[in-house]
Amino acid sequence: MKVHHLDCGTMRPPGAQLVCHVLLLETAGGLVLIDSGYGLQDVADPARRLGPVRHYVRPVLDPRQTAARQVERLGFRREDVRHIVLTHLDVDHAGGLADFPDASVHLTSAEARGAIHSPGPRERLRFRPAQWAHRPRLVEHRPDGETWRGFAAARELDSVAPGLVLLALPGHTRGHAGVAVDTGSHWLLHAGDAFYHRGTLDGRGGVPVSLRAMEAAVAHAPRRVRDNHARLRELYERQEPDLRILCSHDPTLYEQARGEN
C-alpha cells in the first residue's frame, strides 16, 4: 500500500503553527483518504463553512493545499477517491468531504450521533452541518470486540482495504477514532487529535502552553483525553520497530513521516 502524506491546511493559532496531516492511500480498490482537511468550499466561503473558530485557528485556506488539488497534482482524478475514513468531524478534518461527493465516508457511530444525528448543546455549537450538506454516503462503524496492540475497541475495515483498522479513541469528540494502516513494511497509527504535540508521547521539551490550553478547551471528555495520552505514551515507549505514531497537527511528525516515505 503506497502512502502519501499531505498537509491539507496550515493553521496559525496563537503560539503555534500546525498542519492538517492527511493520508492518501493507493490501494487495489482505488484511493482512500484518512481525513480530508480543509476543502475548496471552505476556501470559497469560510464564514459559513467554518464559523467563528476560524478567527482563532487562522487557517491559511490556500486552494493548493486542499486534498482535491493535491490528488490532482499526483496525477489522479477526484473520482478515484473511493473512500474517506474520518478520525472525527471537526471542520479541519471534514471540510474536504464535499470535494469527493462519490466517496463513501467511514466514521464511528458515536461520532455520527454526536455531530449529525443527535448532538448535544456543545456539539451543536462545535460542528458545522454545512460540511455534510451534500449528503455524503455515511458508513458507520462500531469499533468493539477486537483488539489491536493493546487497544480494546478496534474494527478492521476490510471492506475499504486490507490492513486498515479503526480504533475507538473517544475524548476529543464523542466518537473520535484513530486509524492504523499496514503499509507492508510497517504500521502507521494516525491518532487524529488524540494528541496535538509529539511532547505528549516522548516527554522531551513539553507541550506548548497554548496547545495544552486549546486541547483542554475543545475536549468533549477531558478525562478520556488524558487516558488516551497515557495509552499512546505507553505504546510509544515500547518502541516497536514496525510502528510509527502520527497525529493530525504536529508539523515535526508530519515532516518525519514524509521523509521516511
C-alpha atoms as a PDB file:
ATOM      1  CA  MET A   1       0.000   0.000   0.000  1.00  0.00           C
ATOM      2  CA  LYS A   2       1.588   3.293  -1.068  1.00  0.00           C
ATOM      3  CA  VAL A   3       1.030   6.170   1.364  1.00  0.00           C
ATOM      4  CA  HIS A   4       1.211   9.877   0.568  1.00  0.00           C
ATOM      5  CA  HIS A   5       1.464  12.350   3.447  1.00  0.00           C
ATOM      6  CA  LEU A   6      -0.427  15.585   2.697  1.00  0.00           C
ATOM      7  CA  ASP A   7      -0.729  18.844   4.609  1.00  0.00           C
ATOM      8  CA  CYS A   8      -4.296  19.876   3.849  1.00  0.00           C
ATOM      9  CA  GLY A   9      -4.474  23.038   5.915  1.00  0.00           C
ATOM     10  CA  THR A  10      -1.746  25.031   7.605  1.00  0.00           C
ATOM     11  CA  MET A  11      -3.125  26.776  10.708  1.00  0.00           C
ATOM     12  CA  ARG A  12      -1.637  29.528  12.875  1.00  0.00           C
ATOM     13  CA  PRO A  13      -3.349  29.687  16.282  1.00  0.00           C
ATOM     14  CA  PRO A  14      -1.634  31.856  18.919  1.00  0.00           C
ATOM     15  CA  GLY A  15       1.788  30.491  19.770  1.00  0.00           C
ATOM     16  CA  ALA A  16       1.878  27.675  17.209  1.00  0.00           C
ATOM     17  CA  GLN A  17       1.934  26.694  13.561  1.00  0.00           C
ATOM     18  CA  LEU A  18       0.050  23.490  12.783  1.00  0.00           C
ATOM     19  CA  VAL A  19      -0.559  21.220   9.826  1.00  0.00           C
ATOM     20  CA  CYS A  20      -3.571  19.115   8.842  1.00  0.00           C
ATOM     21  CA  HIS A  21      -1.887  15.760   8.310  1.00  0.00           C
ATOM     22  CA  VAL A  22      -3.959  13.725   5.844  1.00  0.00           C
ATOM     23  CA  LEU A  23      -3.019  10.309   4.460  1.00  0.00           C
ATOM     24  CA  LEU A  24      -3.721   9.357   0.865  1.00  0.00           C
ATOM     25  CA  LEU A  25      -3.537   5.599   0.322  1.00  0.00           C
ATOM     26  CA  GLU A  26      -3.162   3.891  -3.031  1.00  0.00           C
ATOM     27  CA  THR A  27      -4.990   0.571  -2.701  1.00  0.00           C
ATOM     28  CA  ALA A  28      -6.049  -2.124  -5.126  1.00  0.00           C
ATOM     29  CA  GLY A  29      -9.635  -0.835  -4.902  1.00  0.00           C
ATOM     30  CA  GLY A  30      -8.842   2.829  -5.503  1.00  0.00           C
ATOM     31  CA  LEU A  31      -7.691   5.767  -3.431  1.00  0.00           C
ATOM     32  CA  VAL A  32      -8.500   6.140   0.263  1.00  0.00           C
ATOM     33  CA  LEU A  33      -8.170   9.330   2.304  1.00  0.00           C
ATOM     34  CA  ILE A  34      -7.639   9.319   6.049  1.00  0.00           C
ATOM     35  CA  ASP A  35      -9.339  12.637   6.941  1.00  0.00           C
ATOM     36  CA  SER A  36      -9.861  15.328   4.314  1.00  0.00           C
ATOM     37  CA  GLY A  37      -8.508  18.575   5.749  1.00  0.00           C
ATOM     38  CA  TYR A  38      -9.960  21.867   4.581  1.00  0.00           C
ATOM     39  CA  GLY A  39     -11.751  21.829   1.236  1.00  0.00           C
ATOM     40  CA  LEU A  40     -12.338  24.070  -1.745  1.00  0.00           C
ATOM     41  CA  GLN A  41     -15.718  25.227  -0.417  1.00  0.00           C
ATOM     42  CA  ASP A  42     -14.064  26.227   2.870  1.00  0.00           C
ATOM     43  CA  VAL A  43     -11.677  28.420   0.880  1.00  0.00           C
ATOM     44  CA  ALA A  44     -14.576  29.967  -1.052  1.00  0.00           C
ATOM     45  CA  ASP A  45     -16.922  30.585   1.909  1.00  0.00           C
ATOM     46  CA  PRO A  46     -15.077  30.360   5.239  1.00  0.00           C
ATOM     47  CA  ALA A  47     -17.681  32.271   7.267  1.00  0.00           C
ATOM     48  CA  ARG A  48     -20.482  29.791   6.515  1.00  0.00           C
ATOM     49  CA  ARG A  49     -18.377  26.669   6.380  1.00  0.00           C
ATOM     50  CA  LEU A  50     -16.002  27.189   9.309  1.00  0.00           C
ATOM     51  CA  GLY A  51     -17.720  29.640  11.617  1.00  0.00           C
ATOM     52  CA  PRO A  52     -16.061  31.756  14.309  1.00  0.00           C
ATOM     53  CA  VAL A  53     -13.357  29.184  15.104  1.00  0.00           C
ATOM     54  CA  ARG A  54     -11.504  30.361  12.003  1.00  0.00           C
ATOM     55  CA  HIS A  55     -10.551  33.571  13.792  1.00  0.00           C
ATOM     56  CA  TYR A  56      -8.670  31.585  16.436  1.00  0.00           C
ATOM     57  CA  VAL A  57      -7.003  28.822  14.398  1.00  0.00           C
ATOM     58  CA  ARG A  58      -6.382  31.169  11.417  1.00  0.00           C
ATOM     59  CA  PRO A  59      -6.187  28.616   8.591  1.00  0.00           C
ATOM     60  CA  VAL A  60      -4.244  29.676   5.508  1.00  0.00           C
ATOM     61  CA  LEU A  61      -7.078  28.456   3.213  1.00  0.00           C
ATOM     62  CA  ASP A  62      -4.911  28.047   0.136  1.00  0.00           C
ATOM     63  CA  PRO A  63      -6.736  26.011  -2.553  1.00  0.00           C
ATOM     64  CA  ARG A  64      -3.411  24.381  -3.465  1.00  0.00           C
ATOM     65  CA  GLN A  65      -3.354  22.754  -0.015  1.00  0.00           C
ATOM     66  CA  THR A  66      -6.730  21.061  -0.389  1.00  0.00           C
ATOM     67  CA  ALA A  67      -6.794  17.293  -0.804  1.00  0.00           C
ATOM     68  CA  ALA A  68      -8.663  17.776  -4.089  1.00  0.00           C
ATOM     69  CA  ARG A  69      -5.867  19.775  -5.674  1.00  0.00           C
ATOM     70  CA  GLN A  70      -3.121  17.569  -4.235  1.00  0.00           C
ATOM     71  CA  VAL A  71      -4.812  14.414  -5.526  1.00  0.00           C
ATOM     72  CA  GLU A  72      -4.966  16.012  -8.970  1.00  0.00           C
ATOM     73  CA  ARG A  73      -1.304  17.083  -8.846  1.00  0.00           C
ATOM     74  CA  LEU A  74      -0.373  13.461  -8.155  1.00  0.00           C
ATOM     75  CA  GLY A  75      -1.998  12.539 -11.468  1.00  0.00           C
ATOM     76  CA  PHE A  76      -5.289  11.154 -10.160  1.00  0.00           C
ATOM     77  CA  ARG A  77      -8.881  12.249 -10.582  1.00  0.00           C
ATOM     78  CA  ARG A  78     -11.022  13.188  -7.631  1.00  0.00           C
ATOM     79  CA  GLU A  79     -13.364  10.358  -8.642  1.00  0.00           C
ATOM     80  CA  ASP A  80     -10.538   7.918  -7.928  1.00  0.00           C
ATOM     81  CA  VAL A  81     -11.027   8.554  -4.188  1.00  0.00           C
ATOM     82  CA  ARG A  82     -13.441   5.746  -3.306  1.00  0.00           C
ATOM     83  CA  HIS A  83     -13.375   6.002   0.494  1.00  0.00           C
ATOM     84  CA  ILE A  84     -12.668   8.602   3.171  1.00  0.00           C
ATOM     85  CA  VAL A  85     -12.028   7.349   6.714  1.00  0.00           C
ATOM     86  CA  LEU A  86     -12.505  10.093   9.318  1.00  0.00           C
ATOM     87  CA  THR A  87     -10.922  10.411  12.719  1.00  0.00           C
ATOM     88  CA  HIS A  88     -13.739  12.857  13.553  1.00  0.00           C
ATOM     89  CA  LEU A  89     -15.972  15.571  12.098  1.00  0.00           C
ATOM     90  CA  ASP A  90     -14.321  18.827  13.173  1.00  0.00           C
ATOM     91  CA  VAL A  91     -14.077  21.316  10.303  1.00  0.00           C
ATOM     92  CA  ASP A  92     -10.340  20.888   9.728  1.00  0.00           C
ATOM     93  CA  HIS A  93     -10.821  17.145   9.236  1.00  0.00           C
ATOM     94  CA  ALA A  94     -14.114  17.030   7.313  1.00  0.00           C
ATOM     95  CA  GLY A  95     -14.001  20.205   5.216  1.00  0.00           C
ATOM     96  CA  GLY A  96     -12.835  18.397   2.101  1.00  0.00           C
ATOM     97  CA  LEU A  97     -15.667  15.847   2.064  1.00  0.00           C
ATOM     98  CA  ALA A  98     -17.684  17.840  -0.458  1.00  0.00           C
ATOM     99  CA  ASP A  99     -14.785  17.756  -2.926  1.00  0.00           C
ATOM    100  CA  PHE A 100     -15.230  13.961  -3.191  1.00  0.00           C
ATOM    101  CA  PRO A 101     -19.033  13.549  -3.361  1.00  0.00           C
ATOM    102  CA  ASP A 102     -18.882   9.972  -4.706  1.00  0.00           C
ATOM    103  CA  ALA A 103     -16.698   8.637  -1.901  1.00  0.00           C
ATOM    104  CA  SER A 104     -18.069   6.562   0.961  1.00  0.00           C
ATOM    105  CA  VAL A 105     -17.354   8.275   4.277  1.00  0.00           C
ATOM    106  CA  HIS A 106     -16.436   5.984   7.169  1.00  0.00           C
ATOM    107  CA  LEU A 107     -16.672   7.079  10.814  1.00  0.00           C
ATOM    108  CA  THR A 108     -17.695   5.718  14.189  1.00  0.00           C
ATOM    109  CA  SER A 109     -21.374   5.504  15.046  1.00  0.00           C
ATOM    110  CA  ALA A 110     -20.689   7.558  18.165  1.00  0.00           C
ATOM    111  CA  GLU A 111     -19.220  10.373  16.068  1.00  0.00           C
ATOM    112  CA  ALA A 112     -22.194  10.342  13.718  1.00  0.00           C
ATOM    113  CA  ARG A 113     -24.556  10.579  16.688  1.00  0.00           C
ATOM    114  CA  GLY A 114     -22.655  13.403  18.337  1.00  0.00           C
ATOM    115  CA  ALA A 115     -22.210  15.519  15.224  1.00  0.00           C
ATOM    116  CA  ILE A 116     -25.143  14.669  12.953  1.00  0.00           C
ATOM    117  CA  HIS A 117     -27.958  12.550  14.410  1.00  0.00           C
ATOM    118  CA  SER A 118     -28.384  13.767  17.992  1.00  0.00           C
ATOM    119  CA  PRO A 119     -25.795  16.369  19.009  1.00  0.00           C
ATOM    120  CA  GLY A 120     -25.832  17.837  22.493  1.00  0.00           C
ATOM    121  CA  PRO A 121     -25.778  21.603  23.164  1.00  0.00           C
ATOM    122  CA  ARG A 122     -21.984  21.936  22.979  1.00  0.00           C
ATOM    123  CA  GLU A 123     -21.822  19.699  19.936  1.00  0.00           C
ATOM    124  CA  ARG A 124     -24.373  21.857  18.117  1.00  0.00           C
ATOM    125  CA  LEU A 125     -22.025  24.793  18.610  1.00  0.00           C
ATOM    126  CA  ARG A 126     -18.957  22.807  17.619  1.00  0.00           C
ATOM    127  CA  PHE A 127     -19.919  21.081  14.396  1.00  0.00           C
ATOM    128  CA  ARG A 128     -20.863  22.714  11.083  1.00  0.00           C
ATOM    129  CA  PRO A 129     -23.677  20.923   9.175  1.00  0.00           C
ATOM    130  CA  ALA A 130     -22.594  22.762   6.026  1.00  0.00           C
ATOM    131  CA  GLN A 131     -19.711  20.282   5.864  1.00  0.00           C
ATOM    132  CA  TRP A 132     -22.092  17.409   5.079  1.00  0.00           C
ATOM    133  CA  ALA A 133     -24.922  19.337   3.392  1.00  0.00           C
ATOM    134  CA  HIS A 134     -24.048  17.493   0.151  1.00  0.00           C
ATOM    135  CA  ARG A 135     -25.398  14.321   1.850  1.00  0.00           C
ATOM    136  CA  PRO A 136     -22.360  12.031   1.644  1.00  0.00           C
ATOM    137  CA  ARG A 137     -22.747   8.285   1.832  1.00  0.00           C
ATOM    138  CA  LEU A 138     -22.001   7.639   5.503  1.00  0.00           C
ATOM    139  CA  VAL A 139     -20.816   4.216   6.647  1.00  0.00           C
ATOM    140  CA  GLU A 140     -20.936   3.934  10.434  1.00  0.00           C
ATOM    141  CA  HIS A 141     -18.753   1.514  12.373  1.00  0.00           C
ATOM    142  CA  ARG A 142     -18.766   0.327  15.968  1.00  0.00           C
ATOM    143  CA  PRO A 143     -15.180  -0.469  16.966  1.00  0.00           C
ATOM    144  CA  ASP A 144     -15.629  -3.167  19.599  1.00  0.00           C
ATOM    145  CA  GLY A 145     -14.884  -6.799  20.212  1.00  0.00           C
ATOM    146  CA  GLU A 146     -11.468  -6.743  18.535  1.00  0.00           C
ATOM    147  CA  THR A 147      -8.083  -5.661  19.878  1.00  0.00           C
ATOM    148  CA  TRP A 148      -5.102  -4.002  18.233  1.00  0.00           C
ATOM    149  CA  ARG A 149      -1.787  -3.662  20.098  1.00  0.00           C
ATOM    150  CA  GLY A 150      -3.490  -3.261  23.433  1.00  0.00           C
ATOM    151  CA  PHE A 151      -6.397  -1.122  22.240  1.00  0.00           C
ATOM    152  CA  ALA A 152      -9.550  -2.963  23.254  1.00  0.00           C
ATOM    153  CA  ALA A 153     -12.003  -1.386  20.801  1.00  0.00           C
ATOM    154  CA  ALA A 154     -10.990  -1.850  17.182  1.00  0.00           C
ATOM    155  CA  ARG A 155     -12.624  -2.699  13.864  1.00  0.00           C
ATOM    156  CA  GLU A 156     -10.870  -3.938  10.739  1.00  0.00           C
ATOM    157  CA  LEU A 157     -12.048  -2.097   7.619  1.00  0.00           C
ATOM    158  CA  ASP A 158     -11.534  -4.885   5.109  1.00  0.00           C
ATOM    159  CA  SER A 159     -14.396  -3.507   3.023  1.00  0.00           C
ATOM    160  CA  VAL A 160     -12.249  -0.431   2.429  1.00  0.00           C
ATOM    161  CA  ALA A 161      -8.832  -2.094   2.112  1.00  0.00           C
ATOM    162  CA  PRO A 162      -6.920  -4.903   3.801  1.00  0.00           C
ATOM    163  CA  GLY A 163      -4.651  -3.590   6.530  1.00  0.00           C
ATOM    164  CA  LEU A 164      -6.894  -0.758   7.762  1.00  0.00           C
ATOM    165  CA  VAL A 165      -8.079  -0.714  11.371  1.00  0.00           C
ATOM    166  CA  LEU A 166     -10.394   1.822  13.029  1.00  0.00           C
ATOM    167  CA  LEU A 167      -9.624   2.335  16.743  1.00  0.00           C
ATOM    168  CA  ALA A 168     -12.017   3.966  19.201  1.00  0.00           C
ATOM    169  CA  LEU A 169     -10.238   6.899  20.897  1.00  0.00           C
ATOM    170  CA  PRO A 170     -13.139   8.990  22.250  1.00  0.00           C
ATOM    171  CA  GLY A 171     -12.428  12.108  24.234  1.00  0.00           C
ATOM    172  CA  HIS A 172     -11.543  14.886  21.826  1.00  0.00           C
ATOM    173  CA  THR A 173     -15.025  14.325  20.381  1.00  0.00           C
ATOM    174  CA  ARG A 174     -17.717  11.834  21.342  1.00  0.00           C
ATOM    175  CA  GLY A 175     -16.695   9.310  18.708  1.00  0.00           C
ATOM    176  CA  HIS A 176     -13.125  10.273  17.888  1.00  0.00           C
ATOM    177  CA  ALA A 177     -11.064   7.461  16.348  1.00  0.00           C
ATOM    178  CA  GLY A 178      -7.562   6.585  15.276  1.00  0.00           C
ATOM    179  CA  VAL A 179      -6.757   4.775  12.050  1.00  0.00           C
ATOM    180  CA  ALA A 180      -3.998   2.163  11.766  1.00  0.00           C
ATOM    181  CA  VAL A 181      -2.555   1.473   8.306  1.00  0.00           C
ATOM    182  CA  ASP A 182      -0.435  -1.531   7.322  1.00  0.00           C
ATOM    183  CA  THR A 183       1.944  -0.174   4.680  1.00  0.00           C
ATOM    184  CA  GLY A 184       3.551  -3.567   4.102  1.00  0.00           C
ATOM    185  CA  SER A 185       6.843  -2.637   5.753  1.00  0.00           C
ATOM    186  CA  HIS A 186       5.424  -1.101   8.942  1.00  0.00           C
ATOM    187  CA  TRP A 187       2.256   0.188  10.558  1.00  0.00           C
ATOM    188  CA  LEU A 188       1.222   3.834  10.742  1.00  0.00           C
ATOM    189  CA  LEU A 189      -1.116   4.823  13.559  1.00  0.00           C
ATOM    190  CA  HIS A 190      -2.823   8.099  12.649  1.00  0.00           C
ATOM    191  CA  ALA A 191      -4.153   9.169  16.045  1.00  0.00           C
ATOM    192  CA  GLY A 192      -6.022  12.218  14.749  1.00  0.00           C
ATOM    193  CA  ASP A 193      -6.483  14.739  17.565  1.00  0.00           C
ATOM    194  CA  ALA A 194      -5.981  12.205  20.359  1.00  0.00           C
ATOM    195  CA  PHE A 195      -2.851  14.275  20.953  1.00  0.00           C
ATOM    196  CA  TYR A 196      -1.606  17.540  19.451  1.00  0.00           C
ATOM    197  CA  HIS A 197       2.153  17.550  20.004  1.00  0.00           C
ATOM    198  CA  ARG A 198       4.975  14.992  19.969  1.00  0.00           C
ATOM    199  CA  GLY A 199       5.895  16.010  23.530  1.00  0.00           C
ATOM    200  CA  THR A 200       2.784  14.161  24.700  1.00  0.00           C
ATOM    201  CA  LEU A 201       4.491  10.936  23.633  1.00  0.00           C
ATOM    202  CA  ASP A 202       8.178  11.425  24.334  1.00  0.00           C
ATOM    203  CA  GLY A 203       8.075  13.983  27.161  1.00  0.00           C
ATOM    204  CA  ARG A 204      11.003  15.896  25.645  1.00  0.00           C
ATOM    205  CA  GLY A 205      10.539  19.658  25.503  1.00  0.00           C
ATOM    206  CA  GLY A 206       6.979  19.519  26.767  1.00  0.00           C
ATOM    207  CA  VAL A 207       3.828  20.620  25.025  1.00  0.00           C
ATOM    208  CA  PRO A 208       3.438  24.371  24.388  1.00  0.00           C
ATOM    209  CA  VAL A 209       1.064  26.039  26.836  1.00  0.00           C
ATOM    210  CA  SER A 210      -1.100  27.356  24.000  1.00  0.00           C
ATOM    211  CA  LEU A 211      -1.652  23.846  22.642  1.00  0.00           C
ATOM    212  CA  ARG A 212      -2.403  22.386  26.068  1.00  0.00           C
ATOM    213  CA  ALA A 213      -4.988  25.122  26.589  1.00  0.00           C
ATOM    214  CA  MET A 214      -6.576  24.569  23.174  1.00  0.00           C
ATOM    215  CA  GLU A 215      -6.694  20.805  23.669  1.00  0.00           C
ATOM    216  CA  ALA A 216      -8.397  21.193  27.048  1.00  0.00           C
ATOM    217  CA  ALA A 217     -10.849  23.826  25.810  1.00  0.00           C
ATOM    218  CA  VAL A 218     -12.246  21.698  22.981  1.00  0.00           C
ATOM    219  CA  ALA A 219     -12.208  18.288  24.701  1.00  0.00           C
ATOM    220  CA  HIS A 220     -15.594  16.573  24.786  1.00  0.00           C
ATOM    221  CA  ALA A 221     -14.431  14.357  27.670  1.00  0.00           C
ATOM    222  CA  PRO A 222     -11.173  15.631  29.243  1.00  0.00           C
ATOM    223  CA  ARG A 223     -10.588  12.518  31.357  1.00  0.00           C
ATOM    224  CA  ARG A 224     -10.737  10.319  28.289  1.00  0.00           C
ATOM    225  CA  VAL A 225      -8.279  12.615  26.518  1.00  0.00           C
ATOM    226  CA  ARG A 226      -5.842  12.087  29.396  1.00  0.00           C
ATOM    227  CA  ASP A 227      -6.450   8.336  29.268  1.00  0.00           C
ATOM    228  CA  ASN A 228      -5.656   8.337  25.549  1.00  0.00           C
ATOM    229  CA  HIS A 229      -2.450  10.262  26.212  1.00  0.00           C
ATOM    230  CA  ALA A 230      -1.369   7.602  28.700  1.00  0.00           C
ATOM    231  CA  ARG A 231      -2.203   4.695  26.386  1.00  0.00           C
ATOM    232  CA  LEU A 232      -0.444   6.255  23.402  1.00  0.00           C
ATOM    233  CA  ARG A 233       2.587   7.174  25.509  1.00  0.00           C
ATOM    234  CA  GLU A 234       2.825   3.592  26.739  1.00  0.00           C
ATOM    235  CA  LEU A 235       2.659   2.327  23.161  1.00  0.00           C
ATOM    236  CA  TYR A 236       5.308   4.840  22.061  1.00  0.00           C
ATOM    237  CA  GLU A 237       7.641   3.861  24.925  1.00  0.00           C
ATOM    238  CA  ARG A 238       7.570   0.232  23.801  1.00  0.00           C
ATOM    239  CA  GLN A 239       9.453   1.441  20.702  1.00  0.00           C
ATOM    240  CA  GLU A 240       8.050  -1.293  18.493  1.00  0.00           C
ATOM    241  CA  PRO A 241      10.210  -1.207  15.342  1.00  0.00           C
ATOM    242  CA  ASP A 242       7.308  -1.739  12.934  1.00  0.00           C
ATOM    243  CA  LEU A 243       5.117   1.109  14.243  1.00  0.00           C
ATOM    244  CA  ARG A 244       5.031   4.873  13.656  1.00  0.00           C
ATOM    245  CA  ILE A 245       2.592   7.037  15.632  1.00  0.00           C
ATOM    246  CA  LEU A 246       1.295  10.211  13.974  1.00  0.00           C
ATOM    247  CA  CYS A 247      -1.197  12.904  14.868  1.00  0.00           C
ATOM    248  CA  SER A 248      -3.049  15.465  12.792  1.00  0.00           C
ATOM    249  CA  HIS A 249      -1.348  18.715  13.686  1.00  0.00           C
ATOM    250  CA  ASP A 250       2.312  18.294  14.730  1.00  0.00           C
ATOM    251  CA  PRO A 251       4.485  19.667  11.872  1.00  0.00           C
ATOM    252  CA  THR A 252       7.600  17.805  13.027  1.00  0.00           C
ATOM    253  CA  LEU A 253       5.875  14.411  12.993  1.00  0.00           C
ATOM    254  CA  TYR A 254       4.469  15.297   9.578  1.00  0.00           C
ATOM    255  CA  GLU A 255       7.900  16.134   8.139  1.00  0.00           C
ATOM    256  CA  GLN A 256       9.425  12.997   9.655  1.00  0.00           C
ATOM    257  CA  ALA A 257       6.722  10.854   8.077  1.00  0.00           C
ATOM    258  CA  ARG A 258       7.264  12.467   4.680  1.00  0.00           C
ATOM    259  CA  GLY A 259      10.986  11.900   4.989  1.00  0.00           C
ATOM    260  CA  GLU A 260      10.503   8.188   5.660  1.00  0.00           C
ATOM    261  CA  ASN A 261       8.424   7.670   2.508  1.00  0.00           C
END
